[in-house]
C-alpha atoms as a PDB file:
ATOM      1  CA  MET A   1      -0.060  -0.045  -0.021  1.00  0.00           C
ATOM      2  CA  ALA A   2       1.517   3.380  -1.088  1.00  0.00           C
ATOM      3  CA  LYS A   3       2.159   5.830   1.758  1.00  0.00           C
ATOM      4  CA  ILE A   4       0.996   9.242   0.557  1.00  0.00           C
ATOM      5  CA  LEU A   5       1.493  12.463   2.671  1.00  0.00           C
ATOM      6  CA  ILE A   6      -0.664  15.394   1.806  1.00  0.00           C
ATOM      7  CA  ILE A   7       0.369  18.879   3.144  1.00  0.00           C
ATOM      8  CA  GLY A   8      -2.315  21.377   2.492  1.00  0.00           C
ATOM      9  CA  SER A   9      -5.624  23.083   3.028  1.00  0.00           C
ATOM     10  CA  SER A  10      -8.836  21.981   4.557  1.00  0.00           C
ATOM     11  CA  THR A  11     -12.091  24.078   4.070  1.00  0.00           C
ATOM     12  CA  MET A  12     -15.764  23.851   4.203  1.00  0.00           C
ATOM     13  CA  ASP A  13     -17.242  24.469   0.941  1.00  0.00           C
ATOM     14  CA  LEU A  14     -20.347  26.700   0.656  1.00  0.00           C
ATOM     15  CA  VAL A  15     -21.903  25.754  -2.571  1.00  0.00           C
ATOM     16  CA  VAL A  16     -24.596  27.663  -4.548  1.00  0.00           C
ATOM     17  CA  THR A  17     -26.111  26.358  -7.821  1.00  0.00           C
ATOM     18  CA  SER A  18     -27.604  28.634 -10.301  1.00  0.00           C
ATOM     19  CA  SER A  19     -28.495  28.610 -13.989  1.00  0.00           C
ATOM     20  CA  LYS A  20     -26.711  31.942 -14.489  1.00  0.00           C
ATOM     21  CA  ARG A  21     -23.464  33.427 -13.089  1.00  0.00           C
ATOM     22  CA  PRO A  22     -24.074  36.953 -11.715  1.00  0.00           C
ATOM     23  CA  GLY A  23     -22.139  39.747 -13.188  1.00  0.00           C
ATOM     24  CA  ALA A  24     -20.678  42.739 -11.234  1.00  0.00           C
ATOM     25  CA  GLY A  25     -23.443  44.317  -9.257  1.00  0.00           C
ATOM     26  CA  GLU A  26     -26.073  41.714 -10.388  1.00  0.00           C
ATOM     27  CA  THR A  27     -28.327  39.653  -8.276  1.00  0.00           C
ATOM     28  CA  VAL A  28     -29.608  36.313  -9.620  1.00  0.00           C
ATOM     29  CA  LEU A  29     -31.913  33.710  -7.965  1.00  0.00           C
ATOM     30  CA  GLY A  30     -30.038  30.479  -7.090  1.00  0.00           C
ATOM     31  CA  GLU A  31     -31.377  26.989  -7.270  1.00  0.00           C
ATOM     32  CA  SER A  32     -29.796  25.237  -4.231  1.00  0.00           C
ATOM     33  CA  PHE A  33     -27.280  25.721  -1.389  1.00  0.00           C
ATOM     34  CA  THR A  34     -25.332  23.196   0.549  1.00  0.00           C
ATOM     35  CA  THR A  35     -22.146  22.799   2.622  1.00  0.00           C
ATOM     36  CA  VAL A  36     -19.559  19.999   1.912  1.00  0.00           C
ATOM     37  CA  PRO A  37     -15.919  19.455   3.010  1.00  0.00           C
ATOM     38  CA  GLY A  38     -13.337  20.628   0.583  1.00  0.00           C
ATOM     39  CA  GLY A  39      -9.978  22.442   0.308  1.00  0.00           C
ATOM     40  CA  LYS A  40      -7.307  21.277  -2.198  1.00  0.00           C
ATOM     41  CA  GLY A  41      -5.291  19.295   0.434  1.00  0.00           C
ATOM     42  CA  ALA A  42      -8.351  17.646   2.004  1.00  0.00           C
ATOM     43  CA  ASN A  43      -9.680  16.839  -1.437  1.00  0.00           C
ATOM     44  CA  GLN A  44      -6.536  15.155  -2.462  1.00  0.00           C
ATOM     45  CA  ALA A  45      -6.276  13.294   0.827  1.00  0.00           C
ATOM     46  CA  VAL A  46      -9.780  11.912   0.458  1.00  0.00           C
ATOM     47  CA  ALA A  47      -9.229  10.950  -3.127  1.00  0.00           C
ATOM     48  CA  ALA A  48      -6.010   9.067  -2.457  1.00  0.00           C
ATOM     49  CA  ALA A  49      -7.516   7.218   0.418  1.00  0.00           C
ATOM     50  CA  ARG A  50     -10.513   6.099  -1.718  1.00  0.00           C
ATOM     51  CA  LEU A  51      -8.027   4.881  -4.304  1.00  0.00           C
ATOM     52  CA  GLY A  52      -6.392   2.611  -1.795  1.00  0.00           C
ATOM     53  CA  ALA A  53      -3.391   4.505  -0.398  1.00  0.00           C
ATOM     54  CA  ASP A  54      -2.294   4.810   3.192  1.00  0.00           C
ATOM     55  CA  VAL A  55      -2.804   8.618   3.632  1.00  0.00           C
ATOM     56  CA  THR A  56      -1.631  11.014   6.211  1.00  0.00           C
ATOM     57  CA  MET A  57      -2.855  14.714   6.155  1.00  0.00           C
ATOM     58  CA  ILE A  58      -0.889  17.675   7.669  1.00  0.00           C
ATOM     59  CA  GLY A  59      -3.156  20.713   8.017  1.00  0.00           C
ATOM     60  CA  ARG A  60      -5.043  23.022  10.316  1.00  0.00           C
ATOM     61  CA  VAL A  61      -8.707  23.690  11.090  1.00  0.00           C
ATOM     62  CA  GLY A  62     -10.483  26.198  13.302  1.00  0.00           C
ATOM     63  CA  ASP A  63     -11.983  25.461  16.670  1.00  0.00           C
ATOM     64  CA  ASP A  64     -15.478  25.740  15.259  1.00  0.00           C
ATOM     65  CA  GLN A  65     -18.272  23.604  13.936  1.00  0.00           C
ATOM     66  CA  PHE A  66     -16.834  23.506  10.470  1.00  0.00           C
ATOM     67  CA  GLY A  67     -13.585  22.298  11.922  1.00  0.00           C
ATOM     68  CA  GLN A  68     -15.248  19.354  13.647  1.00  0.00           C
ATOM     69  CA  GLN A  69     -17.089  18.417  10.491  1.00  0.00           C
ATOM     70  CA  ILE A  70     -13.881  18.457   8.480  1.00  0.00           C
ATOM     71  CA  LEU A  71     -12.145  16.140  10.968  1.00  0.00           C
ATOM     72  CA  ARG A  72     -15.008  13.746  11.100  1.00  0.00           C
ATOM     73  CA  ASN A  73     -14.981  13.651   7.268  1.00  0.00           C
ATOM     74  CA  PHE A  74     -11.316  12.701   7.348  1.00  0.00           C
ATOM     75  CA  GLU A  75     -12.019   9.897   9.748  1.00  0.00           C
ATOM     76  CA  GLU A  76     -14.920   8.623   7.730  1.00  0.00           C
ATOM     77  CA  ASN A  77     -12.661   8.404   4.644  1.00  0.00           C
ATOM     78  CA  HIS A  78      -9.821   6.748   6.641  1.00  0.00           C
ATOM     79  CA  VAL A  79      -7.313   9.542   6.441  1.00  0.00           C
ATOM     80  CA  HIS A  80      -4.904   9.832   9.366  1.00  0.00           C
ATOM     81  CA  ILE A  81      -5.350  13.166  11.242  1.00  0.00           C
ATOM     82  CA  GLY A  82      -2.714  13.227  13.880  1.00  0.00           C
ATOM     83  CA  TYR A  83      -1.339  16.234  12.319  1.00  0.00           C
ATOM     84  CA  VAL A  84      -4.582  18.123  11.651  1.00  0.00           C
ATOM     85  CA  LYS A  85      -4.765  20.317  14.827  1.00  0.00           C
ATOM     86  CA  PRO A  86      -7.410  22.939  15.509  1.00  0.00           C
ATOM     87  CA  VAL A  87      -6.230  26.452  15.913  1.00  0.00           C
ATOM     88  CA  THR A  88      -7.609  28.171  19.012  1.00  0.00           C
ATOM     89  CA  HIS A  89      -9.841  31.245  18.497  1.00  0.00           C
ATOM     90  CA  MET A  90      -9.694  30.972  14.676  1.00  0.00           C
ATOM     91  CA  GLU A  91     -12.270  29.985  12.062  1.00  0.00           C
ATOM     92  CA  SER A  92     -11.779  27.101   9.645  1.00  0.00           C
ATOM     93  CA  GLY A  93     -11.133  27.986   6.016  1.00  0.00           C
ATOM     94  CA  THR A  94     -13.992  28.222   3.743  1.00  0.00           C
ATOM     95  CA  ALA A  95     -14.470  28.111  -0.034  1.00  0.00           C
ATOM     96  CA  HIS A  96     -17.524  29.997  -1.525  1.00  0.00           C
ATOM     97  CA  ILE A  97     -18.514  28.258  -4.731  1.00  0.00           C
ATOM     98  CA  ILE A  98     -20.867  29.112  -7.497  1.00  0.00           C
ATOM     99  CA  LEU A  99     -21.944  26.346  -9.933  1.00  0.00           C
ATOM    100  CA  ALA A 100     -23.396  27.808 -13.065  1.00  0.00           C
ATOM    101  CA  GLU A 101     -23.265  27.464 -16.894  1.00  0.00           C
ATOM    102  CA  GLY A 102     -21.399  24.060 -16.571  1.00  0.00           C
ATOM    103  CA  ASP A 103     -18.433  25.310 -14.565  1.00  0.00           C
ATOM    104  CA  ASN A 104     -17.474  26.757 -11.196  1.00  0.00           C
ATOM    105  CA  SER A 105     -16.196  30.005  -9.706  1.00  0.00           C
ATOM    106  CA  ILE A 106     -14.509  29.928  -6.295  1.00  0.00           C
ATOM    107  CA  ILE A 107     -13.374  32.373  -3.634  1.00  0.00           C
ATOM    108  CA  MET A 108     -11.303  30.640  -0.999  1.00  0.00           C
ATOM    109  CA  VAL A 109     -10.716  32.189   2.504  1.00  0.00           C
ATOM    110  CA  LYS A 110      -7.718  30.598   4.073  1.00  0.00           C
ATOM    111  CA  ALA A 111      -8.184  31.391   7.834  1.00  0.00           C
ATOM    112  CA  ALA A 112      -6.734  28.515   9.804  1.00  0.00           C
ATOM    113  CA  ASN A 113      -4.915  27.252   6.669  1.00  0.00           C
ATOM    114  CA  ASN A 114      -2.488  30.125   7.137  1.00  0.00           C
ATOM    115  CA  GLU A 115      -1.170  28.248  10.299  1.00  0.00           C
ATOM    116  CA  VAL A 116       0.262  25.400   8.265  1.00  0.00           C
ATOM    117  CA  THR A 117       3.755  26.974   8.864  1.00  0.00           C
ATOM    118  CA  PRO A 118       7.193  25.489   8.329  1.00  0.00           C
ATOM    119  CA  ALA A 119       7.482  25.052  12.152  1.00  0.00           C
ATOM    120  CA  TYR A 120       4.196  23.181  12.253  1.00  0.00           C
ATOM    121  CA  VAL A 121       5.229  20.911   9.436  1.00  0.00           C
ATOM    122  CA  GLU A 122       8.585  20.299  10.967  1.00  0.00           C
ATOM    123  CA  GLU A 123       6.803  18.396  13.833  1.00  0.00           C
ATOM    124  CA  ALA A 124       5.969  15.812  11.240  1.00  0.00           C
ATOM    125  CA  LEU A 125       9.473  15.403   9.698  1.00  0.00           C
ATOM    126  CA  ASP A 126       9.496  11.682  10.490  1.00  0.00           C
ATOM    127  CA  VAL A 127       6.281  11.300   8.367  1.00  0.00           C
ATOM    128  CA  ILE A 128       7.874  13.085   5.539  1.00  0.00           C
ATOM    129  CA  ARG A 129      10.905  10.787   5.558  1.00  0.00           C
ATOM    130  CA  SER A 130       8.785   7.699   5.631  1.00  0.00           C
ATOM    131  CA  SER A 131       6.452   8.555   2.838  1.00  0.00           C
ATOM    132  CA  ASP A 132       6.428   7.206  -0.796  1.00  0.00           C
ATOM    133  CA  MET A 133       5.072  10.554  -2.177  1.00  0.00           C
ATOM    134  CA  VAL A 134       4.475  14.009  -0.826  1.00  0.00           C
ATOM    135  CA  LEU A 135       1.746  16.258  -2.277  1.00  0.00           C
ATOM    136  CA  VAL A 136       1.622  19.996  -1.718  1.00  0.00           C
ATOM    137  CA  GLN A 137      -0.661  22.775  -3.171  1.00  0.00           C
ATOM    138  CA  GLN A 138      -0.725  26.565  -2.742  1.00  0.00           C
ATOM    139  CA  GLU A 139      -3.639  27.287  -0.337  1.00  0.00           C
ATOM    140  CA  ILE A 140      -1.003  27.269   2.504  1.00  0.00           C
ATOM    141  CA  PRO A 141       1.755  29.739   2.950  1.00  0.00           C
ATOM    142  CA  ALA A 142       4.416  30.009   0.293  1.00  0.00           C
ATOM    143  CA  GLU A 143       7.338  29.643   2.742  1.00  0.00           C
ATOM    144  CA  THR A 144       5.776  26.290   3.839  1.00  0.00           C
ATOM    145  CA  VAL A 145       5.859  25.033   0.214  1.00  0.00           C
ATOM    146  CA  VAL A 146       9.534  26.054  -0.066  1.00  0.00           C
ATOM    147  CA  TYR A 147      10.359  24.236   3.222  1.00  0.00           C
ATOM    148  CA  VAL A 148       8.536  21.016   2.149  1.00  0.00           C
ATOM    149  CA  SER A 149      10.409  21.019  -1.155  1.00  0.00           C
ATOM    150  CA  GLU A 150      13.755  21.355   0.594  1.00  0.00           C
ATOM    151  CA  MET A 151      12.983  18.618   3.032  1.00  0.00           C
ATOM    152  CA  CYS A 152      11.869  16.266   0.196  1.00  0.00           C
ATOM    153  CA  ALA A 153      14.975  16.994  -1.807  1.00  0.00           C
ATOM    154  CA  LYS A 154      17.171  16.524   1.387  1.00  0.00           C
ATOM    155  CA  TYR A 155      15.664  13.120   2.150  1.00  0.00           C
ATOM    156  CA  GLN A 156      15.048  12.129  -1.502  1.00  0.00           C
ATOM    157  CA  ILE A 157      11.274  11.722  -1.128  1.00  0.00           C
ATOM    158  CA  PRO A 158       9.271  12.126  -4.382  1.00  0.00           C
ATOM    159  CA  PHE A 159       7.571  15.528  -4.206  1.00  0.00           C
ATOM    160  CA  LEU A 160       4.463  16.204  -6.372  1.00  0.00           C
ATOM    161  CA  PHE A 161       3.817  19.994  -6.539  1.00  0.00           C
ATOM    162  CA  ASN A 162       0.342  21.065  -7.587  1.00  0.00           C
ATOM    163  CA  PRO A 163       0.714  24.876  -8.144  1.00  0.00           C
ATOM    164  CA  ALA A 164      -2.957  25.697  -7.581  1.00  0.00           C
ATOM    165  CA  PRO A 165      -4.303  28.364  -7.090  1.00  0.00           C
ATOM    166  CA  ALA A 166      -1.902  30.182  -9.253  1.00  0.00           C
ATOM    167  CA  ARG A 167       0.819  32.463  -7.836  1.00  0.00           C
ATOM    168  CA  GLU A 168       4.507  33.001  -8.598  1.00  0.00           C
ATOM    169  CA  VAL A 169       6.707  30.080  -7.458  1.00  0.00           C
ATOM    170  CA  GLU A 170      10.172  30.171  -5.967  1.00  0.00           C
ATOM    171  CA  ALA A 171      12.660  28.689  -8.412  1.00  0.00           C
ATOM    172  CA  SER A 172      13.895  26.261  -5.733  1.00  0.00           C
ATOM    173  CA  VAL A 173      10.383  24.601  -5.446  1.00  0.00           C
ATOM    174  CA  ILE A 174      10.392  23.973  -9.245  1.00  0.00           C
ATOM    175  CA  GLU A 175      13.964  22.540  -9.148  1.00  0.00           C
ATOM    176  CA  ASN A 176      13.132  20.406  -6.081  1.00  0.00           C
ATOM    177  CA  ALA A 177       9.896  19.042  -7.371  1.00  0.00           C
ATOM    178  CA  THR A 178       9.811  15.565  -8.890  1.00  0.00           C
ATOM    179  CA  TYR A 179       6.478  16.292 -10.646  1.00  0.00           C
ATOM    180  CA  ILE A 180       4.727  19.515 -11.379  1.00  0.00           C
ATOM    181  CA  THR A 181       0.936  19.502 -12.355  1.00  0.00           C
ATOM    182  CA  PRO A 182      -0.256  22.998 -13.396  1.00  0.00           C
ATOM    183  CA  ASN A 183      -3.214  23.667 -15.657  1.00  0.00           C
ATOM    184  CA  GLU A 184      -2.610  25.958 -18.637  1.00  0.00           C
ATOM    185  CA  HIS A 185      -3.264  29.177 -16.673  1.00  0.00           C
ATOM    186  CA  GLU A 186      -1.009  28.200 -13.826  1.00  0.00           C
ATOM    187  CA  ALA A 187       1.725  27.074 -16.175  1.00  0.00           C
ATOM    188  CA  ALA A 188       1.713  30.512 -17.937  1.00  0.00           C
ATOM    189  CA  ILE A 189       2.198  32.274 -14.524  1.00  0.00           C
ATOM    190  CA  MET A 190       4.958  29.815 -13.457  1.00  0.00           C
ATOM    191  CA  PHE A 191       6.906  29.933 -16.682  1.00  0.00           C
ATOM    192  CA  LYS A 192       6.061  33.538 -17.805  1.00  0.00           C
ATOM    193  CA  ASP A 193       9.327  33.783 -19.736  1.00  0.00           C
ATOM    194  CA  LEU A 194       8.877  30.523 -21.659  1.00  0.00           C
ATOM    195  CA  SER A 195       6.308  29.243 -24.058  1.00  0.00           C
ATOM    196  CA  LEU A 196       4.339  26.145 -23.032  1.00  0.00           C
ATOM    197  CA  GLN A 197       6.450  24.108 -25.535  1.00  0.00           C
ATOM    198  CA  GLU A 198       9.763  25.515 -24.150  1.00  0.00           C
ATOM    199  CA  ALA A 199       8.721  24.811 -20.539  1.00  0.00           C
ATOM    200  CA  LEU A 200       7.791  21.210 -21.409  1.00  0.00           C
ATOM    201  CA  ARG A 201      11.087  20.632 -23.013  1.00  0.00           C
ATOM    202  CA  LYS A 202      12.996  22.185 -20.195  1.00  0.00           C
ATOM    203  CA  TYR A 203      11.327  19.862 -17.632  1.00  0.00           C
ATOM    204  CA  PRO A 204      10.861  16.453 -19.497  1.00  0.00           C
ATOM    205  CA  ASN A 205       8.836  13.789 -17.593  1.00  0.00           C
ATOM    206  CA  LYS A 206       8.461  16.388 -14.752  1.00  0.00           C
ATOM    207  CA  LEU A 207       6.037  19.002 -16.047  1.00  0.00           C
ATOM    208  CA  PHE A 208       2.538  17.667 -16.717  1.00  0.00           C
ATOM    209  CA  VAL A 209       0.027  20.325 -17.898  1.00  0.00           C
ATOM    210  CA  THR A 210      -3.603  19.470 -17.585  1.00  0.00           C
ATOM    211  CA  GLU A 211      -5.733  20.912 -20.380  1.00  0.00           C
ATOM    212  CA  GLY A 212      -9.258  20.143 -19.327  1.00  0.00           C
ATOM    213  CA  SER A 213     -11.243  18.161 -21.871  1.00  0.00           C
ATOM    214  CA  ASN A 214      -8.179  17.831 -24.086  1.00  0.00           C
ATOM    215  CA  GLY A 215      -6.243  15.746 -21.617  1.00  0.00           C
ATOM    216  CA  VAL A 216      -2.730  16.016 -20.102  1.00  0.00           C
ATOM    217  CA  ARG A 217       0.337  17.157 -21.969  1.00  0.00           C
ATOM    218  CA  PHE A 218       3.991  16.401 -21.213  1.00  0.00           C
ATOM    219  CA  PHE A 219       7.376  16.017 -23.026  1.00  0.00           C
ATOM    220  CA  ASP A 220       8.859  12.469 -22.729  1.00  0.00           C
ATOM    221  CA  GLY A 221      12.407  13.383 -23.669  1.00  0.00           C
ATOM    222  CA  GLU A 222      11.815  12.935 -27.428  1.00  0.00           C
ATOM    223  CA  GLN A 223       8.306  14.235 -28.216  1.00  0.00           C
ATOM    224  CA  GLU A 224       5.206  15.997 -26.702  1.00  0.00           C
ATOM    225  CA  VAL A 225       2.686  13.471 -25.521  1.00  0.00           C
ATOM    226  CA  VAL A 226      -0.940  14.247 -24.928  1.00  0.00           C
ATOM    227  CA  VAL A 227      -2.843  11.608 -22.902  1.00  0.00           C
ATOM    228  CA  PRO A 228      -6.499  12.117 -23.619  1.00  0.00           C
ATOM    229  CA  THR A 229      -9.179  12.298 -20.916  1.00  0.00           C
ATOM    230  CA  TYR A 230     -12.497  10.423 -20.948  1.00  0.00           C
ATOM    231  CA  LYS A 231     -15.787  11.871 -22.077  1.00  0.00           C
ATOM    232  CA  VAL A 232     -18.465  11.999 -19.434  1.00  0.00           C
ATOM    233  CA  GLU A 233     -21.597  14.013 -18.539  1.00  0.00           C
ATOM    234  CA  ALA A 234     -20.262  16.485 -16.062  1.00  0.00           C
ATOM    235  CA  VAL A 235     -22.525  17.377 -12.983  1.00  0.00           C
ATOM    236  CA  ASP A 236     -19.843  19.277 -10.977  1.00  0.00           C
ATOM    237  CA  THR A 237     -16.272  19.944 -12.012  1.00  0.00           C
ATOM    238  CA  THR A 238     -15.180  21.016  -8.545  1.00  0.00           C
ATOM    239  CA  GLY A 239     -12.325  18.743  -7.285  1.00  0.00           C
ATOM    240  CA  ALA A 240     -11.428  17.197 -10.688  1.00  0.00           C
ATOM    241  CA  GLY A 241      -7.904  18.506 -10.630  1.00  0.00           C
ATOM    242  CA  ASP A 242      -7.561  17.266  -6.951  1.00  0.00           C
ATOM    243  CA  THR A 243      -8.661  13.883  -7.940  1.00  0.00           C
ATOM    244  CA  PHE A 244      -6.296  13.811 -10.875  1.00  0.00           C
ATOM    245  CA  ASN A 245      -3.365  14.816  -8.652  1.00  0.00           C
ATOM    246  CA  ALA A 246      -4.142  12.243  -5.911  1.00  0.00           C
ATOM    247  CA  ALA A 247      -4.652   9.449  -8.471  1.00  0.00           C
ATOM    248  CA  PHE A 248      -1.387  10.443 -10.216  1.00  0.00           C
ATOM    249  CA  ALA A 249       0.461  10.348  -7.068  1.00  0.00           C
ATOM    250  CA  VAL A 250      -0.914   6.817  -5.930  1.00  0.00           C
ATOM    251  CA  ALA A 251      -0.164   5.436  -9.350  1.00  0.00           C
ATOM    252  CA  LEU A 252       3.369   6.683  -9.400  1.00  0.00           C
ATOM    253  CA  ALA A 253       4.042   5.571  -5.839  1.00  0.00           C
ATOM    254  CA  GLU A 254       2.883   2.124  -6.817  1.00  0.00           C
ATOM    255  CA  GLY A 255       5.423   2.081  -9.559  1.00  0.00           C
ATOM    256  CA  LYS A 256       3.246   2.571 -12.691  1.00  0.00           C
ATOM    257  CA  SER A 257       4.839   4.178 -15.825  1.00  0.00           C
ATOM    258  CA  LEU A 258       4.345   7.834 -16.405  1.00  0.00           C
ATOM    259  CA  ALA A 259       1.837   7.287 -19.289  1.00  0.00           C
ATOM    260  CA  ASP A 260      -0.157   4.671 -17.261  1.00  0.00           C
ATOM    261  CA  SER A 261      -0.230   6.980 -14.225  1.00  0.00           C
ATOM    262  CA  VAL A 262      -1.631   9.792 -16.237  1.00  0.00           C
ATOM    263  CA  LYS A 263      -4.218   7.476 -17.843  1.00  0.00           C
ATOM    264  CA  PHE A 264      -5.260   6.175 -14.305  1.00  0.00           C
ATOM    265  CA  ALA A 265      -5.407   9.859 -13.070  1.00  0.00           C
ATOM    266  CA  ASN A 266      -7.477  10.949 -16.071  1.00  0.00           C
ATOM    267  CA  ARG A 267      -9.966   8.076 -15.528  1.00  0.00           C
ATOM    268  CA  ALA A 268     -10.320   8.941 -11.892  1.00  0.00           C
ATOM    269  CA  ALA A 269     -10.754  12.670 -12.571  1.00  0.00           C
ATOM    270  CA  SER A 270     -13.390  11.919 -15.217  1.00  0.00           C
ATOM    271  CA  LEU A 271     -15.470   9.862 -12.783  1.00  0.00           C
ATOM    272  CA  SER A 272     -15.177  12.574 -10.023  1.00  0.00           C
ATOM    273  CA  VAL A 273     -17.262  15.110 -12.098  1.00  0.00           C
ATOM    274  CA  THR A 274     -20.271  12.842 -12.479  1.00  0.00           C
ATOM    275  CA  LYS A 275     -21.612  13.639  -8.984  1.00  0.00           C
ATOM    276  CA  PHE A 276     -22.094  16.671  -6.906  1.00  0.00           C
ATOM    277  CA  GLY A 277     -19.381  18.237  -4.593  1.00  0.00           C
ATOM    278  CA  ALA A 278     -15.614  18.227  -4.653  1.00  0.00           C
ATOM    279  CA  GLN A 279     -15.449  14.929  -2.857  1.00  0.00           C
ATOM    280  CA  GLY A 280     -18.876  13.579  -3.685  1.00  0.00           C
ATOM    281  CA  GLY A 281     -17.867  12.027  -6.888  1.00  0.00           C
ATOM    282  CA  MET A 282     -14.334  10.806  -6.033  1.00  0.00           C
ATOM    283  CA  PRO A 283     -14.176   7.252  -7.026  1.00  0.00           C
ATOM    284  CA  THR A 284     -12.942   4.152  -5.293  1.00  0.00           C
ATOM    285  CA  ARG A 285     -10.070   2.048  -6.673  1.00  0.00           C
ATOM    286  CA  ARG A 286     -12.522  -0.536  -7.813  1.00  0.00           C
ATOM    287  CA  GLU A 287     -14.676   1.967  -9.696  1.00  0.00           C
ATOM    288  CA  VAL A 288     -11.535   3.307 -11.534  1.00  0.00           C
ATOM    289  CA  GLU A 289     -10.224  -0.048 -12.428  1.00  0.00           C
ATOM    290  CA  GLU A 290     -13.514  -1.230 -13.788  1.00  0.00           C
ATOM    291  CA  GLN A 291     -13.793   1.724 -16.095  1.00  0.00           C
ATOM    292  CA  LEU A 292     -10.169   1.294 -17.350  1.00  0.00           C
END
């Protein structure tokens, strides 16, 4: 069983569905409202656990009702939470999501996730050293991402860096990463002085750019490869990228080839969008393998 460590965010997602996305200054009538656990780190942890990995989460929640719900959700999905500690007198992170016109718009409030500091992560250094793969995203402080990349490089632990949401990234993080998984928008910000083709060639078998319905593009050392995605009837695209990253990490940690790992991840991500909620459609290992 692959040992996957997720260092990242946990939120409660406040989700509104509507037939129309409001413009500036506009009010529209929504169709439904619900709250579901989310956050890029938590989503990836749950996805990896459902795919059969032994998953540990490092993160923070608030000392509020949302925090209690987030912790219960981790436990129900068999994610180890010894390093997900509540922050006293602080609210949990929240994501405010509009589902409209076949896509989503999200505003994320980090709150307790800002307390995932280098000093806090250092408490779990033994867990980092014993992991088969470490995943990090960018809903936690930038200095923490740098620290984790340095520790993974020091102890030669495979490090999958998902640079979402987009922001400028320290050059050391890019160099220390074993795998980098931006979408096209994030890649343009990370490699602003390079074209996409130049960036892919600079980081062969390391940079994997997700292109939505087109699939995933990478350079294998000889040519650009596009691994196509799977066509499904999408209900909610929230969490598809997190499912891809988790599945990619699990497959790589199990020793699958790069191409097979991307294919496995694409299949898992395609299944994740067929149900409501970031985690609602995340598939089990059996479901993915049956569809492959």
